């Protein structure tokens, strides 16, 4: 059961990462900590960094080395990433709203359960 929940939350990583970067550029460790804070699940750093690399290869984010106290790779949302984020937000706002509301508030469901009279 825990693995199913973890897989579901990992599936949300793309929208969470794009949203985090739409708020402000962030370095990898900060992204990992924010994902953990938002989902309540410890992330595998190597998996997150691999995922960030994939997003960068797709042109959804841009990574740049920034010299602060020490060198860090900072990630920025690209225009392509912003377009994808807007499409995902639209999906969540429209099509998935009914589904998520029925999960969160089953008594509000307007459809009768199968087999009930």
PDB file of N, CA and C in Angstrom:
ATOM      1  N   UNK A   1       0.823  -1.197   0.000  1.00  0.00           N
ATOM      2  CA  UNK A   1       0.000   0.000   0.000  1.00  0.00           C
ATOM      3  C   UNK A   1       0.861   1.251   0.000  1.00  0.00           C
ATOM      4  N   UNK A   2       1.917   1.270   0.816  1.00  0.00           N
ATOM      5  CA  UNK A   2       2.799   2.432   0.891  1.00  0.00           C
ATOM      6  C   UNK A   2       3.457   2.689  -0.458  1.00  0.00           C
ATOM      7  N   UNK A   3       3.829   1.614  -1.167  1.00  0.00           N
ATOM      8  CA  UNK A   3       4.468   1.782  -2.477  1.00  0.00           C
ATOM      9  C   UNK A   3       3.499   2.392  -3.489  1.00  0.00           C
ATOM     10  N   UNK A   4       2.222   2.064  -3.397  1.00  0.00           N
ATOM     11  CA  UNK A   4       1.222   2.647  -4.297  1.00  0.00           C
ATOM     12  C   UNK A   4       1.117   4.146  -4.048  1.00  0.00           C
ATOM     13  N   UNK A   5       1.086   4.531  -2.789  1.00  0.00           N
ATOM     14  CA  UNK A   5       1.019   5.953  -2.443  1.00  0.00           C
ATOM     15  C   UNK A   5       2.276   6.669  -2.918  1.00  0.00           C
ATOM     16  N   UNK A   6       3.435   6.069  -2.693  1.00  0.00           N
ATOM     17  CA  UNK A   6       4.702   6.669  -3.128  1.00  0.00           C
ATOM     18  C   UNK A   6       4.716   6.839  -4.655  1.00  0.00           C
ATOM     19  N   UNK A   7       4.261   5.838  -5.381  1.00  0.00           N
ATOM     20  CA  UNK A   7       4.233   5.917  -6.848  1.00  0.00           C
ATOM     21  C   UNK A   7       3.300   7.024  -7.313  1.00  0.00           C
ATOM     22  N   UNK A   8       2.150   7.158  -6.654  1.00  0.00           N
ATOM     23  CA  UNK A   8       1.214   8.233  -6.994  1.00  0.00           C
ATOM     24  C   UNK A   8       1.855   9.593  -6.777  1.00  0.00           C
ATOM     25  N   UNK A   9       2.475   9.789  -5.611  1.00  0.00           N
ATOM     26  CA  UNK A   9       3.104  11.072  -5.305  1.00  0.00           C
ATOM     27  C   UNK A   9       4.283  11.353  -6.236  1.00  0.00           C
ATOM     28  N   UNK A  10       5.049  10.322  -6.588  1.00  0.00           N
ATOM     29  CA  UNK A  10       6.147  10.500  -7.540  1.00  0.00           C
ATOM     30  C   UNK A  10       5.619  10.937  -8.902  1.00  0.00           C
ATOM     31  N   UNK A  11       4.441  10.459  -9.256  1.00  0.00           N
ATOM     32  CA  UNK A  11       3.816  10.868 -10.509  1.00  0.00           C
ATOM     33  C   UNK A  11       3.457  12.344 -10.540  1.00  0.00           C
ATOM     34  N   UNK A  12       3.308  12.940  -9.377  1.00  0.00           N
ATOM     35  CA  UNK A  12       2.996  14.367  -9.290  1.00  0.00           C
ATOM     36  C   UNK A  12       4.249  15.240  -9.329  1.00  0.00           C
ATOM     37  N   UNK A  13       5.424  14.621  -9.307  1.00  0.00           N
ATOM     38  CA  UNK A  13       6.663  15.400  -9.257  1.00  0.00           C
ATOM     39  C   UNK A  13       6.765  16.431 -10.365  1.00  0.00           C
ATOM     40  N   UNK A  14       6.332  16.082 -11.568  1.00  0.00           N
ATOM     41  CA  UNK A  14       6.490  17.040 -12.668  1.00  0.00           C
ATOM     42  C   UNK A  14       5.713  18.319 -12.406  1.00  0.00           C
ATOM     43  N   UNK A  15       4.456  18.196 -12.004  1.00  0.00           N
ATOM     44  CA  UNK A  15       3.675  19.407 -11.773  1.00  0.00           C
ATOM     45  C   UNK A  15       4.190  20.166 -10.553  1.00  0.00           C
ATOM     46  N   UNK A  16       4.624  19.443  -9.526  1.00  0.00           N
ATOM     47  CA  UNK A  16       5.158  20.099  -8.328  1.00  0.00           C
ATOM     48  C   UNK A  16       6.443  20.857  -8.676  1.00  0.00           C
ATOM     49  N   UNK A  17       7.347  20.224  -9.414  1.00  0.00           N
ATOM     50  CA  UNK A  17       8.609  20.881  -9.772  1.00  0.00           C
ATOM     51  C   UNK A  17       8.355  22.091 -10.658  1.00  0.00           C
ATOM     52  N   UNK A  18       7.521  21.938 -11.680  1.00  0.00           N
ATOM     53  CA  UNK A  18       7.231  23.076 -12.550  1.00  0.00           C
ATOM     54  C   UNK A  18       6.596  24.215 -11.764  1.00  0.00           C
ATOM     55  N   UNK A  19       5.679  23.879 -10.869  1.00  0.00           N
ATOM     56  CA  UNK A  19       5.028  24.918 -10.058  1.00  0.00           C
ATOM     57  C   UNK A  19       6.047  25.601  -9.141  1.00  0.00           C
ATOM     58  N   UNK A  20       6.904  24.815  -8.479  1.00  0.00           N
ATOM     59  CA  UNK A  20       7.924  25.402  -7.602  1.00  0.00           C
ATOM     60  C   UNK A  20       8.807  26.372  -8.373  1.00  0.00           C
ATOM     61  N   UNK A  21       9.193  25.993  -9.588  1.00  0.00           N
ATOM     62  CA  UNK A  21      10.063  26.858 -10.381  1.00  0.00           C
ATOM     63  C   UNK A  21       9.313  28.052 -10.970  1.00  0.00           C
ATOM     64  N   UNK A  22       7.984  27.957 -11.053  1.00  0.00           N
ATOM     65  CA  UNK A  22       7.210  29.122 -11.517  1.00  0.00           C
ATOM     66  C   UNK A  22       7.173  30.194 -10.434  1.00  0.00           C
ATOM     67  N   UNK A  23       7.318  29.777  -9.178  1.00  0.00           N
ATOM     68  CA  UNK A  23       7.332  30.721  -8.061  1.00  0.00           C
ATOM     69  C   UNK A  23       8.673  31.441  -8.012  1.00  0.00           C
ATOM     70  N   UNK A  24       9.767  30.654  -8.142  1.00  0.00           N
ATOM     71  CA  UNK A  24      11.119  31.232  -8.154  1.00  0.00           C
ATOM     72  C   UNK A  24      12.110  30.163  -8.571  1.00  0.00           C
ATOM     73  N   UNK A  25      13.262  30.565  -9.127  1.00  0.00           N
ATOM     74  CA  UNK A  25      14.306  29.583  -9.428  1.00  0.00           C
ATOM     75  C   UNK A  25      14.787  28.929  -8.131  1.00  0.00           C
ATOM     76  N   UNK A  26      15.172  27.657  -8.224  1.00  0.00           N
ATOM     77  CA  UNK A  26      15.596  26.919  -7.031  1.00  0.00           C
ATOM     78  C   UNK A  26      16.722  25.973  -7.387  1.00  0.00           C
ATOM     79  N   UNK A  27      17.547  25.663  -6.407  1.00  0.00           N
ATOM     80  CA  UNK A  27      18.574  24.645  -6.603  1.00  0.00           C
ATOM     81  C   UNK A  27      17.985  23.286  -6.231  1.00  0.00           C
ATOM     82  N   UNK A  28      18.671  22.224  -6.643  1.00  0.00           N
ATOM     83  CA  UNK A  28      18.142  20.869  -6.485  1.00  0.00           C
ATOM     84  C   UNK A  28      17.768  20.489  -5.077  1.00  0.00           C
ATOM     85  N   UNK A  29      18.638  20.787  -4.115  1.00  0.00           N
ATOM     86  CA  UNK A  29      18.356  20.422  -2.727  1.00  0.00           C
ATOM     87  C   UNK A  29      17.087  21.115  -2.231  1.00  0.00           C
ATOM     88  N   UNK A  30      16.912  22.364  -2.617  1.00  0.00           N
ATOM     89  CA  UNK A  30      15.712  23.104  -2.211  1.00  0.00           C
ATOM     90  C   UNK A  30      14.458  22.472  -2.821  1.00  0.00           C
ATOM     91  N   UNK A  31      14.550  22.031  -4.062  1.00  0.00           N
ATOM     92  CA  UNK A  31      13.418  21.360  -4.717  1.00  0.00           C
ATOM     93  C   UNK A  31      13.079  20.069  -3.966  1.00  0.00           C
ATOM     94  N   UNK A  32      14.102  19.295  -3.628  1.00  0.00           N
ATOM     95  CA  UNK A  32      13.887  18.037  -2.904  1.00  0.00           C
ATOM     96  C   UNK A  32      13.186  18.301  -1.577  1.00  0.00           C
ATOM     97  N   UNK A  33      13.666  19.276  -0.829  1.00  0.00           N
ATOM     98  CA  UNK A  33      13.078  19.589   0.485  1.00  0.00           C
ATOM     99  C   UNK A  33      11.644  20.084   0.347  1.00  0.00           C
ATOM    100  N   UNK A  34      11.358  20.873  -0.672  1.00  0.00           N
ATOM    101  CA  UNK A  34       9.988  21.362  -0.887  1.00  0.00           C
ATOM    102  C   UNK A  34       9.046  20.224  -1.278  1.00  0.00           C
ATOM    103  N   UNK A  35       9.510  19.306  -2.114  1.00  0.00           N
ATOM    104  CA  UNK A  35       8.684  18.144  -2.477  1.00  0.00           C
ATOM    105  C   UNK A  35       8.365  17.339  -1.223  1.00  0.00           C
ATOM    106  N   UNK A  36       9.355  17.125  -0.380  1.00  0.00           N
ATOM    107  CA  UNK A  36       9.134  16.382   0.865  1.00  0.00           C
ATOM    108  C   UNK A  36       8.158  17.116   1.775  1.00  0.00           C
ATOM    109  N   UNK A  37       8.287  18.437   1.851  1.00  0.00           N
ATOM    110  CA  UNK A  37       7.386  19.223   2.694  1.00  0.00           C
ATOM    111  C   UNK A  37       5.950  19.162   2.172  1.00  0.00           C
ATOM    112  N   UNK A  38       5.793  19.258   0.868  1.00  0.00           N
ATOM    113  CA  UNK A  38       4.459  19.277   0.272  1.00  0.00           C
ATOM    114  C   UNK A  38       3.783  17.913   0.272  1.00  0.00           C
ATOM    115  N   UNK A  39       4.555  16.840   0.075  1.00  0.00           N
ATOM    116  CA  UNK A  39       3.957  15.505  -0.029  1.00  0.00           C
ATOM    117  C   UNK A  39       4.033  14.704   1.257  1.00  0.00           C
ATOM    118  N   UNK A  40       4.954  15.080   2.149  1.00  0.00           N
ATOM    119  CA  UNK A  40       5.130  14.315   3.374  1.00  0.00           C
ATOM    120  C   UNK A  40       5.892  13.020   3.167  1.00  0.00           C
ATOM    121  N   UNK A  41       6.491  12.858   1.992  1.00  0.00           N
ATOM    122  CA  UNK A  41       7.223  11.633   1.659  1.00  0.00           C
ATOM    123  C   UNK A  41       8.679  11.994   1.390  1.00  0.00           C
ATOM    124  N   UNK A  42       9.605  11.228   1.981  1.00  0.00           N
ATOM    125  CA  UNK A  42      11.024  11.445   1.711  1.00  0.00           C
ATOM    126  C   UNK A  42      11.325  11.078   0.271  1.00  0.00           C
ATOM    127  N   UNK A  43      12.028  11.978  -0.418  1.00  0.00           N
ATOM    128  CA  UNK A  43      12.368  11.758  -1.821  1.00  0.00           C
ATOM    129  C   UNK A  43      13.745  11.137  -1.932  1.00  0.00           C
ATOM    130  N   UNK A  44      13.950  10.405  -3.002  1.00  0.00           N
ATOM    131  CA  UNK A  44      15.259   9.850  -3.322  1.00  0.00           C
ATOM    132  C   UNK A  44      15.997  10.924  -4.120  1.00  0.00           C
ATOM    133  N   UNK A  45      17.030  11.556  -3.539  1.00  0.00           N
ATOM    134  CA  UNK A  45      17.719  12.642  -4.239  1.00  0.00           C
ATOM    135  C   UNK A  45      18.228  12.270  -5.625  1.00  0.00           C
ATOM    136  N   UNK A  46      18.779  11.063  -5.789  1.00  0.00           N
ATOM    137  CA  UNK A  46      19.293  10.696  -7.113  1.00  0.00           C
ATOM    138  C   UNK A  46      18.159  10.607  -8.135  1.00  0.00           C
ATOM    139  N   UNK A  47      16.997  10.152  -7.708  1.00  0.00           N
ATOM    140  CA  UNK A  47      15.846  10.089  -8.617  1.00  0.00           C
ATOM    141  C   UNK A  47      15.375  11.491  -8.991  1.00  0.00           C
ATOM    142  N   UNK A  48      15.363  12.405  -8.024  1.00  0.00           N
ATOM    143  CA  UNK A  48      14.938  13.780  -8.306  1.00  0.00           C
ATOM    144  C   UNK A  48      15.936  14.461  -9.248  1.00  0.00           C
ATOM    145  N   UNK A  49      17.228  14.305  -8.987  1.00  0.00           N
ATOM    146  CA  UNK A  49      18.232  14.918  -9.868  1.00  0.00           C
ATOM    147  C   UNK A  49      18.162  14.330 -11.279  1.00  0.00           C
ATOM    148  N   UNK A  50      17.916  13.031 -11.379  1.00  0.00           N
ATOM    149  CA  UNK A  50      17.751  12.396 -12.687  1.00  0.00           C
ATOM    150  C   UNK A  50      16.521  12.966 -13.394  1.00  0.00           C
ATOM    151  N   UNK A  51      15.450  13.154 -12.638  1.00  0.00           N
ATOM    152  CA  UNK A  51      14.221  13.715 -13.197  1.00  0.00           C
ATOM    153  C   UNK A  51      14.445  15.163 -13.649  1.00  0.00           C
ATOM    154  N   UNK A  52      15.182  15.949 -12.841  1.00  0.00           N
ATOM    155  CA  UNK A  52      15.512  17.328 -13.225  1.00  0.00           C
ATOM    156  C   UNK A  52      16.306  17.330 -14.530  1.00  0.00           C
ATOM    157  N   UNK A  53      17.240  16.397 -14.662  1.00  0.00           N
ATOM    158  CA  UNK A  53      18.031  16.289 -15.888  1.00  0.00           C
ATOM    159  C   UNK A  53      17.120  15.992 -17.085  1.00  0.00           C
ATOM    160  N   UNK A  54      16.156  15.100 -16.901  1.00  0.00           N
ATOM    161  CA  UNK A  54      15.212  14.775 -17.981  1.00  0.00           C
ATOM    162  C   UNK A  54      14.379  15.988 -18.368  1.00  0.00           C
ATOM    163  N   UNK A  55      13.913  16.736 -17.373  1.00  0.00           N
ATOM    164  CA  UNK A  55      13.128  17.947 -17.659  1.00  0.00           C
ATOM    165  C   UNK A  55      13.975  18.967 -18.413  1.00  0.00           C
ATOM    166  N   UNK A  56      15.254  19.028 -18.051  1.00  0.00           N
ATOM    167  CA  UNK A  56      16.162  19.946 -18.739  1.00  0.00           C
ATOM    168  C   UNK A  56      16.380  19.501 -20.187  1.00  0.00           C
ATOM    169  N   UNK A  57      16.554  18.214 -20.406  1.00  0.00           N
ATOM    170  CA  UNK A  57      16.727  17.695 -21.769  1.00  0.00           C
ATOM    171  C   UNK A  57      15.499  17.975 -22.630  1.00  0.00           C
ATOM    172  N   UNK A  58      14.324  17.953 -22.018  1.00  0.00           N
ATOM    173  CA  UNK A  58      13.073  18.226 -22.741  1.00  0.00           C
ATOM    174  C   UNK A  58      12.862  19.724 -22.981  1.00  0.00           C
ATOM    175  N   UNK A  59      13.703  20.561 -22.383  1.00  0.00           N
ATOM    176  CA  UNK A  59      13.575  22.003 -22.562  1.00  0.00           C
ATOM    177  C   UNK A  59      12.523  22.638 -21.671  1.00  0.00           C
ATOM    178  N   UNK A  60      12.088  21.901 -20.644  1.00  0.00           N
ATOM    179  CA  UNK A  60      11.052  22.426 -19.738  1.00  0.00           C
ATOM    180  C   UNK A  60      11.653  23.290 -18.637  1.00  0.00           C
ATOM    181  N   UNK A  61      12.890  22.992 -18.278  1.00  0.00           N
ATOM    182  CA  UNK A  61      13.606  23.784 -17.277  1.00  0.00           C
ATOM    183  C   UNK A  61      15.016  24.029 -17.795  1.00  0.00           C
ATOM    184  N   UNK A  62      15.698  24.989 -17.199  1.00  0.00           N
ATOM    185  CA  UNK A  62      17.065  25.314 -17.560  1.00  0.00           C
ATOM    186  C   UNK A  62      17.894  25.320 -16.292  1.00  0.00           C
ATOM    187  N   UNK A  63      19.000  24.608 -16.295  1.00  0.00           N
ATOM    188  CA  UNK A  63      19.901  24.577 -15.151  1.00  0.00           C
ATOM    189  C   UNK A  63      21.130  25.424 -15.422  1.00  0.00           C
ATOM    190  N   UNK A  64      21.487  26.253 -14.458  1.00  0.00           N
ATOM    191  CA  UNK A  64      22.675  27.104 -14.571  1.00  0.00           C
ATOM    192  C   UNK A  64      23.447  27.059 -13.269  1.00  0.00           C
ATOM    193  N   UNK A  65      24.784  27.008 -13.383  1.00  0.00           N
ATOM    194  CA  UNK A  65      25.621  27.052 -12.189  1.00  0.00           C
ATOM    195  C   UNK A  65      25.658  28.485 -11.685  1.00  0.00           C
ATOM    196  N   UNK A  66      25.361  28.658 -10.390  1.00  0.00           N
ATOM    197  CA  UNK A  66      25.347  29.968  -9.747  1.00  0.00           C
ATOM    198  C   UNK A  66      26.379  29.937  -8.622  1.00  0.00           C
ATOM    199  N   UNK A  67      27.180  30.973  -8.556  1.00  0.00           N
ATOM    200  CA  UNK A  67      28.166  31.078  -7.473  1.00  0.00           C
ATOM    201  C   UNK A  67      27.568  31.900  -6.335  1.00  0.00           C
ATOM    202  N   UNK A  68      27.230  31.231  -5.250  1.00  0.00           N
ATOM    203  CA  UNK A  68      26.780  31.912  -4.039  1.00  0.00           C
ATOM    204  C   UNK A  68      27.911  31.710  -3.031  1.00  0.00           C
ATOM    205  N   UNK A  69      27.614  31.157  -1.888  1.00  0.00           N
ATOM    206  CA  UNK A  69      28.672  30.776  -0.951  1.00  0.00           C
ATOM    207  C   UNK A  69      29.482  29.623  -1.540  1.00  0.00           C
ATOM    208  N   UNK A  70      28.777  28.782  -2.298  1.00  0.00           N
ATOM    209  CA  UNK A  70      29.421  27.702  -3.041  1.00  0.00           C
ATOM    210  C   UNK A  70      28.670  27.541  -4.355  1.00  0.00           C
ATOM    211  N   UNK A  71      29.265  26.863  -5.298  1.00  0.00           N
ATOM    212  CA  UNK A  71      28.621  26.675  -6.597  1.00  0.00           C
ATOM    213  C   UNK A  71      27.410  25.748  -6.445  1.00  0.00           C
ATOM    214  N   UNK A  72      26.291  26.180  -6.999  1.00  0.00           N
ATOM    215  CA  UNK A  72      25.066  25.371  -6.985  1.00  0.00           C
ATOM    216  C   UNK A  72      24.418  25.453  -8.360  1.00  0.00           C
ATOM    217  N   UNK A  73      23.790  24.377  -8.730  1.00  0.00           N
ATOM    218  CA  UNK A  73      23.039  24.384  -9.995  1.00  0.00           C
ATOM    219  C   UNK A  73      21.630  24.860  -9.675  1.00  0.00           C
ATOM    220  N   UNK A  74      21.278  25.957 -10.273  1.00  0.00           N
ATOM    221  CA  UNK A  74      19.970  26.563 -10.029  1.00  0.00           C
ATOM    222  C   UNK A  74      19.097  26.294 -11.256  1.00  0.00           C
ATOM    223  N   UNK A  75      17.853  25.936 -11.012  1.00  0.00           N
ATOM    224  CA  UNK A  75      16.935  25.583 -12.092  1.00  0.00           C
ATOM    225  C   UNK A  75      15.895  26.681 -12.285  1.00  0.00           C
ATOM    226  N   UNK A  76      15.618  26.968 -13.556  1.00  0.00           N
ATOM    227  CA  UNK A  76      14.672  28.003 -13.955  1.00  0.00           C
ATOM    228  C   UNK A  76      13.617  27.376 -14.858  1.00  0.00           C
ATOM    229  N   UNK A  77      12.404  27.872 -14.786  1.00  0.00           N
ATOM    230  CA  UNK A  77      11.330  27.412 -15.663  1.00  0.00           C
ATOM    231  C   UNK A  77      11.480  28.099 -17.018  1.00  0.00           C
ATOM    232  N   UNK A  78      11.397  27.340 -18.100  1.00  0.00           N
ATOM    233  CA  UNK A  78      11.458  27.913 -19.447  1.00  0.00           C
ATOM    234  C   UNK A  78      10.040  28.243 -19.917  1.00  0.00           C
ATOM    235  N   UNK A  79       9.937  28.927 -21.042  1.00  0.00           N
ATOM    236  CA  UNK A  79       8.622  29.239 -21.620  1.00  0.00           C
ATOM    237  C   UNK A  79       7.878  27.943 -21.952  1.00  0.00           C
ATOM    238  N   UNK A  80       8.613  26.945 -22.463  1.00  0.00           N
ATOM    239  CA  UNK A  80       7.997  25.647 -22.763  1.00  0.00           C
ATOM    240  C   UNK A  80       7.481  24.991 -21.488  1.00  0.00           C
ATOM    241  N   UNK A  81       8.247  25.074 -20.414  1.00  0.00           N
ATOM    242  CA  UNK A  81       7.816  24.521 -19.131  1.00  0.00           C
ATOM    243  C   UNK A  81       6.594  25.247 -18.589  1.00  0.00           C
ATOM    244  N   UNK A  82       6.567  26.553 -18.784  1.00  0.00           N
ATOM    245  CA  UNK A  82       5.412  27.337 -18.323  1.00  0.00           C
ATOM    246  C   UNK A  82       4.148  26.961 -19.095  1.00  0.00           C
ATOM    247  N   UNK A  83       4.293  26.736 -20.401  1.00  0.00           N
ATOM    248  CA  UNK A  83       3.129  26.303 -21.194  1.00  0.00           C
ATOM    249  C   UNK A  83       2.609  24.954 -20.716  1.00  0.00           C
ATOM    250  N   UNK A  84       3.537  24.017 -20.447  1.00  0.00           N
ATOM    251  CA  UNK A  84       3.124  22.700 -19.943  1.00  0.00           C
ATOM    252  C   UNK A  84       2.456  22.832 -18.577  1.00  0.00           C
ATOM    253  N   UNK A  85       3.030  23.641 -17.702  1.00  0.00           N
ATOM    254  CA  UNK A  85       2.433  23.853 -16.380  1.00  0.00           C
ATOM    255  C   UNK A  85       1.012  24.393 -16.521  1.00  0.00           C
ATOM    256  N   UNK A  86       0.808  25.343 -17.414  1.00  0.00           N
ATOM    257  CA  UNK A  86      -0.538  25.896 -17.618  1.00  0.00           C
ATOM    258  C   UNK A  86      -1.505  24.841 -18.136  1.00  0.00           C
ATOM    259  N   UNK A  87      -1.033  23.960 -19.019  1.00  0.00           N
ATOM    260  CA  UNK A  87      -1.895  22.870 -19.505  1.00  0.00           C
ATOM    261  C   UNK A  87      -2.237  21.906 -18.376  1.00  0.00           C
ATOM    262  N   UNK A  88      -1.255  21.577 -17.548  1.00  0.00           N
ATOM    263  CA  UNK A  88      -1.497  20.679 -16.416  1.00  0.00           C
ATOM    264  C   UNK A  88      -2.446  21.312 -15.400  1.00  0.00           C
ATOM    265  N   UNK A  89      -2.273  22.598 -15.152  1.00  0.00           N
ATOM    266  CA  UNK A  89      -3.185  23.298 -14.233  1.00  0.00           C
ATOM    267  C   UNK A  89      -4.606  23.258 -14.769  1.00  0.00           C
ATOM    268  N   UNK A  90      -4.751  23.470 -16.071  1.00  0.00           N
ATOM    269  CA  UNK A  90      -6.076  23.422 -16.690  1.00  0.00           C
ATOM    270  C   UNK A  90      -6.696  22.045 -16.518  1.00  0.00           C
ATOM    271  N   UNK A  91      -5.898  21.008 -16.713  1.00  0.00           N
ATOM    272  CA  UNK A  91      -6.382  19.642 -16.528  1.00  0.00           C
ATOM    273  C   UNK A  91      -6.862  19.438 -15.101  1.00  0.00           C
ATOM    274  N   UNK A  92      -6.053  19.882 -14.127  1.00  0.00           N
ATOM    275  CA  UNK A  92      -6.431  19.719 -12.727  1.00  0.00           C
ATOM    276  C   UNK A  92      -7.655  20.565 -12.376  1.00  0.00           C
ATOM    277  N   UNK A  93      -7.737  21.750 -12.936  1.00  0.00           N
ATOM    278  CA  UNK A  93      -8.858  22.638 -12.613  1.00  0.00           C
ATOM    279  C   UNK A  93     -10.171  22.175 -13.222  1.00  0.00           C
ATOM    280  N   UNK A  94     -10.122  21.550 -14.377  1.00  0.00           N
ATOM    281  CA  UNK A  94     -11.360  21.181 -15.066  1.00  0.00           C
ATOM    282  C   UNK A  94     -11.683  19.699 -14.906  1.00  0.00           C
ATOM    283  N   UNK A  95     -10.950  18.864 -15.660  1.00  0.00           N
ATOM    284  CA  UNK A  95     -11.297  17.455 -15.734  1.00  0.00           C
ATOM    285  C   UNK A  95     -11.132  16.707 -14.419  1.00  0.00           C
ATOM    286  N   UNK A  96     -10.092  16.986 -13.667  1.00  0.00           N
ATOM    287  CA  UNK A  96      -9.849  16.222 -12.446  1.00  0.00           C
ATOM    288  C   UNK A  96     -10.554  16.781 -11.216  1.00  0.00           C
ATOM    289  N   UNK A  97     -11.133  17.976 -11.333  1.00  0.00           N
ATOM    290  CA  UNK A  97     -11.802  18.587 -10.183  1.00  0.00           C
ATOM    291  C   UNK A  97     -12.930  17.695  -9.652  1.00  0.00           C
ATOM    292  N   UNK A  98     -13.781  17.205 -10.537  1.00  0.00           N
ATOM    293  CA  UNK A  98     -14.900  16.357 -10.111  1.00  0.00           C
ATOM    294  C   UNK A  98     -14.375  15.102  -9.424  1.00  0.00           C
ATOM    295  N   UNK A  99     -13.357  14.499 -10.013  1.00  0.00           N
ATOM    296  CA  UNK A  99     -12.780  13.283  -9.441  1.00  0.00           C
ATOM    297  C   UNK A  99     -12.199  13.539  -8.051  1.00  0.00           C
ATOM    298  N   UNK A 100     -11.381  14.581  -7.923  1.00  0.00           N
ATOM    299  CA  UNK A 100     -10.751  14.840  -6.622  1.00  0.00           C
ATOM    300  C   UNK A 100     -11.775  15.265  -5.582  1.00  0.00           C
ATOM    301  N   UNK A 101     -12.775  16.028  -5.987  1.00  0.00           N
ATOM    302  CA  UNK A 101     -13.809  16.411  -5.029  1.00  0.00           C
ATOM    303  C   UNK A 101     -14.587  15.192  -4.542  1.00  0.00           C
ATOM    304  N   UNK A 102     -14.833  14.238  -5.429  1.00  0.00           N
ATOM    305  CA  UNK A 102     -15.563  13.040  -4.994  1.00  0.00           C
ATOM    306  C   UNK A 102     -14.707  12.186  -4.060  1.00  0.00           C
ATOM    307  N   UNK A 103     -13.384  12.230  -4.229  1.00  0.00           N
ATOM    308  CA  UNK A 103     -12.508  11.519  -3.301  1.00  0.00           C
ATOM    309  C   UNK A 103     -12.488  12.193  -1.933  1.00  0.00           C
ATOM    310  N   UNK A 104     -12.432  13.512  -1.946  1.00  0.00           N
ATOM    311  CA  UNK A 104     -12.310  14.264  -0.697  1.00  0.00           C
ATOM    312  C   UNK A 104     -13.639  14.416   0.026  1.00  0.00           C
ATOM    313  N   UNK A 105     -14.710  14.543  -0.745  1.00  0.00           N
ATOM    314  CA  UNK A 105     -16.028  14.790  -0.156  1.00  0.00           C
ATOM    315  C   UNK A 105     -17.051  13.825  -0.756  1.00  0.00           C
ATOM    316  N   UNK A 106     -17.005  12.554  -0.369  1.00  0.00           N
ATOM    317  CA  UNK A 106     -17.893  11.567  -0.991  1.00  0.00           C
ATOM    318  C   UNK A 106     -19.376  11.869  -0.815  1.00  0.00           C
ATOM    319  N   UNK A 107     -19.757  12.555   0.247  1.00  0.00           N
ATOM    320  CA  UNK A 107     -21.172  12.852   0.456  1.00  0.00           C
ATOM    321  C   UNK A 107     -21.703  13.871  -0.548  1.00  0.00           C
ATOM    322  N   UNK A 108     -20.817  14.595  -1.217  1.00  0.00           N
ATOM    323  CA  UNK A 108     -21.227  15.581  -2.221  1.00  0.00           C
ATOM    324  C   UNK A 108     -21.435  14.960  -3.591  1.00  0.00           C
ATOM    325  N   UNK A 109     -21.076  13.690  -3.722  1.00  0.00           N
ATOM    326  CA  UNK A 109     -21.180  13.029  -5.017  1.00  0.00           C
ATOM    327  C   UNK A 109     -22.624  13.055  -5.481  1.00  0.00           C
ATOM    328  N   UNK A 110     -22.834  13.424  -6.737  1.00  0.00           N
ATOM    329  CA  UNK A 110     -24.191  13.524  -7.293  1.00  0.00           C
ATOM    330  C   UNK A 110     -24.620  12.231  -7.962  1.00  0.00           C
ATOM    331  N   UNK A 111     -23.654  11.348  -8.222  1.00  0.00           N
ATOM    332  CA  UNK A 111     -23.990  10.096  -8.872  1.00  0.00           C
ATOM    333  C   UNK A 111     -24.267   9.018  -7.830  1.00  0.00           C
ATOM    334  N   UNK A 112     -25.325   8.241  -8.020  1.00  0.00           N
ATOM    335  CA  UNK A 112     -25.574   7.134  -7.089  1.00  0.00           C
ATOM    336  C   UNK A 112     -24.534   6.052  -7.258  1.00  0.00           C
ATOM    337  N   UNK A 113     -24.222   5.357  -6.190  1.00  0.00           N
ATOM    338  CA  UNK A 113     -23.286   4.248  -6.253  1.00  0.00           C
ATOM    339  C   UNK A 113     -23.896   3.103  -7.043  1.00  0.00           C
ATOM    340  N   UNK A 114     -23.100   2.344  -7.750  1.00  0.00           N
ATOM    341  CA  UNK A 114     -23.580   1.205  -8.534  1.00  0.00           C
ATOM    342  C   UNK A 114     -24.214   0.180  -7.599  1.00  0.00           C
ATOM    343  N   UNK A 115     -25.373  -0.291  -8.001  1.00  0.00           N
ATOM    344  CA  UNK A 115     -26.041  -1.322  -7.220  1.00  0.00           C
ATOM    345  C   UNK A 115     -26.902  -0.783  -6.091  1.00  0.00           C
ATOM    346  N   UNK A 116     -26.970   0.524  -5.916  1.00  0.00           N
ATOM    347  CA  UNK A 116     -27.828   1.050  -4.845  1.00  0.00           C
ATOM    348  C   UNK A 116     -29.197   1.376  -5.403  1.00  0.00           C
ATOM    349  N   UNK A 117     -30.212   1.330  -4.570  1.00  0.00           N
ATOM    350  CA  UNK A 117     -31.584   1.568  -5.016  1.00  0.00           C
ATOM    351  C   UNK A 117     -32.056   2.925  -4.635  1.00  0.00           C
TER     352      UNK A 117
END
